[in-house]
Amino acid sequence: MTTPAQAPRTSREIRLNAFDMNRVGHQSPGLWAHSRYRSWQYKDLEYWTELAKILERGKFDGFFIADVLGIYDVYNGNSEAAIRQAAQVPVNDPLQLIPPMARVTEHLGFGLTGSVGIAASGEESGVCLGAIAGKPAPTF
C-alpha cells in the first residue's frame, strides 16, 4: 500500500484570475478609505492599463470585467439607496477597456460580460474580439 508520503508528486497548476467592474465601487464597501485605493479613477484609461500591467507582473492568467445592466432597485422598491451608496453605479462598458489593456500586456487573457447589444452588432464585435485575442474572429 502506498502512503501519501510515498505517492509520486503530480504537477498541478494554479490559474490566477482577477475580477473587477468598470465602476467607482464594486464588492468592497469602505475600501475607499484605504490610502492606496484607486478605484475612483475608473474613468481614467491609465488606471486600467496600469492595473493590467500589475496583473501581468503578478503572473495572473486572466482578468474578467463584469457588466451590469441597469440600477439595483430592490431595496424599498427604488434605486435611491443604490445611487446614494454607489452600489455598482455608475458603471461603464467593459468592452472599451480591453483593447488598450491588451496592447500593454503580452500574456494576460481577458473576459467580460456584456449586454446583448454587443452580440447584436454582428461582425464588427467579432472582428474586435478576434483582434484582441489574436485569433480569427468568432462568428455570432
Protein backbone atom coordinates (compact mmCIF):
# COMPACT_ATOMS: atom_id res chain seq x y z
CA MET A 1 0.00 0.00 0.00
CA THR A 2 1.31 3.46 -0.91
CA THR A 3 1.15 6.15 1.75
CA PRO A 4 0.68 9.84 0.87
CA ALA A 5 4.36 10.50 1.62
CA GLN A 6 5.40 7.77 -0.87
CA ALA A 7 2.96 8.71 -3.62
CA PRO A 8 4.50 10.29 -6.70
CA ARG A 9 4.05 14.04 -6.89
CA THR A 10 1.93 15.32 -9.70
CA SER A 11 2.43 18.65 -11.34
CA ARG A 12 -0.57 20.88 -10.72
CA GLU A 13 -1.11 24.39 -11.98
CA ILE A 14 -2.96 27.19 -10.31
CA ARG A 15 -4.75 29.69 -12.56
CA LEU A 16 -4.97 33.22 -11.22
CA ASN A 17 -7.77 35.43 -12.47
CA ALA A 18 -8.69 38.94 -11.36
CA PHE A 19 -12.27 40.22 -11.24
CA ASP A 20 -13.48 43.81 -11.40
CA MET A 21 -16.09 46.17 -12.82
CA ASN A 22 -15.66 49.47 -14.65
CA ARG A 23 -17.26 51.48 -11.84
CA VAL A 24 -16.44 53.53 -8.75
CA GLY A 25 -17.13 50.81 -6.19
CA HIS A 26 -17.69 47.08 -6.56
CA GLN A 27 -17.84 44.46 -3.80
CA SER A 28 -15.61 46.17 -1.24
CA PRO A 29 -17.61 48.77 0.70
CA GLY A 30 -15.40 51.02 2.79
CA LEU A 31 -12.25 50.20 0.85
CA TRP A 32 -12.27 53.77 -0.46
CA ALA A 33 -10.81 54.81 2.90
CA HIS A 34 -7.57 52.87 2.26
CA SER A 35 -4.64 55.09 1.30
CA ARG A 36 -3.80 53.03 -1.83
CA TYR A 37 -7.38 52.68 -3.10
CA ARG A 38 -7.59 53.91 -6.69
CA SER A 39 -10.93 52.63 -7.94
CA TRP A 40 -12.25 56.18 -8.02
CA GLN A 41 -10.05 56.54 -11.13
CA TYR A 42 -12.24 54.07 -13.04
CA LYS A 43 -12.86 56.68 -15.76
CA ASP A 44 -9.13 57.07 -16.49
CA LEU A 45 -7.69 54.71 -19.09
CA GLU A 46 -4.28 54.86 -17.39
CA TYR A 47 -5.81 53.30 -14.26
CA TRP A 48 -6.88 50.24 -16.27
CA THR A 49 -3.67 49.88 -18.29
CA GLU A 50 -1.59 50.12 -15.10
CA LEU A 51 -3.82 47.53 -13.44
CA ALA A 52 -3.33 45.18 -16.42
CA LYS A 53 0.46 45.63 -16.18
CA ILE A 54 0.37 44.88 -12.44
CA LEU A 55 -1.67 41.73 -13.04
CA GLU A 56 0.74 40.55 -15.72
CA ARG A 57 3.77 41.21 -13.50
CA GLY A 58 1.97 39.20 -10.81
CA LYS A 59 1.69 36.27 -13.26
CA PHE A 60 -2.11 36.42 -13.42
CA ASP A 61 -3.61 34.40 -16.25
CA GLY A 62 -6.75 36.42 -16.82
CA PHE A 63 -8.76 39.49 -15.99
CA PHE A 64 -12.54 39.32 -16.02
CA ILE A 65 -14.53 42.56 -16.14
CA ALA A 66 -18.20 42.25 -15.23
CA ASP A 67 -21.01 44.38 -16.52
CA VAL A 68 -24.45 45.10 -15.11
CA LEU A 69 -27.46 46.34 -16.98
CA GLY A 70 -29.48 48.92 -15.09
CA ILE A 71 -29.52 50.00 -11.46
CA TYR A 72 -30.39 47.85 -8.48
CA ASP A 73 -33.89 48.84 -7.35
CA VAL A 74 -34.88 46.10 -4.94
CA TYR A 75 -34.36 47.95 -1.65
CA ASN A 76 -37.53 49.96 -0.89
CA GLY A 77 -38.65 49.38 -4.48
CA ASN A 78 -36.46 52.11 -5.97
CA SER A 79 -32.86 52.90 -6.90
CA GLU A 80 -32.20 55.68 -4.36
CA ALA A 81 -30.11 53.54 -1.99
CA ALA A 82 -28.02 52.08 -4.83
CA ILE A 83 -27.29 55.55 -6.19
CA ARG A 84 -26.57 57.04 -2.76
CA GLN A 85 -24.16 54.21 -1.88
CA ALA A 86 -22.69 53.91 -5.41
CA ALA A 87 -23.64 50.20 -5.43
CA GLN A 88 -22.19 49.28 -8.81
CA VAL A 89 -23.42 52.55 -10.22
CA PRO A 90 -22.38 54.33 -12.31
CA VAL A 91 -20.92 51.54 -14.42
CA ASN A 92 -19.27 51.79 -17.83
CA ASP A 93 -19.00 49.32 -20.70
CA PRO A 94 -16.10 46.89 -20.05
CA LEU A 95 -15.51 46.23 -23.76
CA GLN A 96 -13.96 49.68 -24.19
CA LEU A 97 -11.13 48.79 -21.79
CA ILE A 98 -9.87 45.53 -23.22
CA PRO A 99 -8.03 46.71 -26.39
CA PRO A 100 -5.83 49.24 -24.51
CA MET A 101 -5.08 46.70 -21.77
CA ALA A 102 -4.27 44.01 -24.33
CA ARG A 103 -1.89 46.42 -26.03
CA VAL A 104 0.23 46.88 -22.87
CA THR A 105 0.34 43.18 -21.92
CA GLU A 106 1.63 40.02 -23.59
CA HIS A 107 0.18 37.08 -21.68
CA LEU A 108 -2.87 38.36 -19.80
CA GLY A 109 -6.19 37.00 -21.06
CA PHE A 110 -9.44 38.96 -20.87
CA GLY A 111 -13.07 38.08 -20.36
CA LEU A 112 -16.20 40.14 -19.86
CA THR A 113 -19.92 40.12 -19.56
CA GLY A 114 -21.85 42.47 -21.75
CA SER A 115 -25.30 43.41 -22.86
CA VAL A 116 -27.00 41.78 -25.82
CA GLY A 117 -26.08 44.89 -27.80
CA ILE A 118 -22.57 43.50 -28.23
CA ALA A 119 -23.70 40.35 -30.00
CA ALA A 120 -26.44 42.19 -31.87
CA SER A 121 -23.90 44.43 -33.56
CA GLY A 122 -22.71 41.42 -35.54
CA GLU A 123 -19.41 41.07 -37.27
CA GLU A 124 -17.92 44.34 -36.01
CA SER A 125 -17.86 42.91 -32.49
CA GLY A 126 -16.45 39.62 -33.74
CA VAL A 127 -13.59 41.38 -35.51
CA CYS A 128 -12.80 43.41 -32.41
CA LEU A 129 -12.89 40.39 -30.09
CA GLY A 130 -10.85 38.32 -32.52
CA ALA A 131 -8.23 41.04 -32.83
CA ILE A 132 -7.96 41.23 -29.05
CA ALA A 133 -7.43 37.50 -28.74
CA GLY A 134 -5.06 37.33 -31.71
CA LYS A 135 -7.26 34.64 -33.28
CA PRO A 136 -9.70 34.55 -36.17
CA ALA A 137 -12.85 36.49 -35.46
CA PRO A 138 -15.63 34.40 -33.94
CA THR A 139 -18.99 34.38 -35.67
CA PHE A 140 -22.14 35.32 -33.83
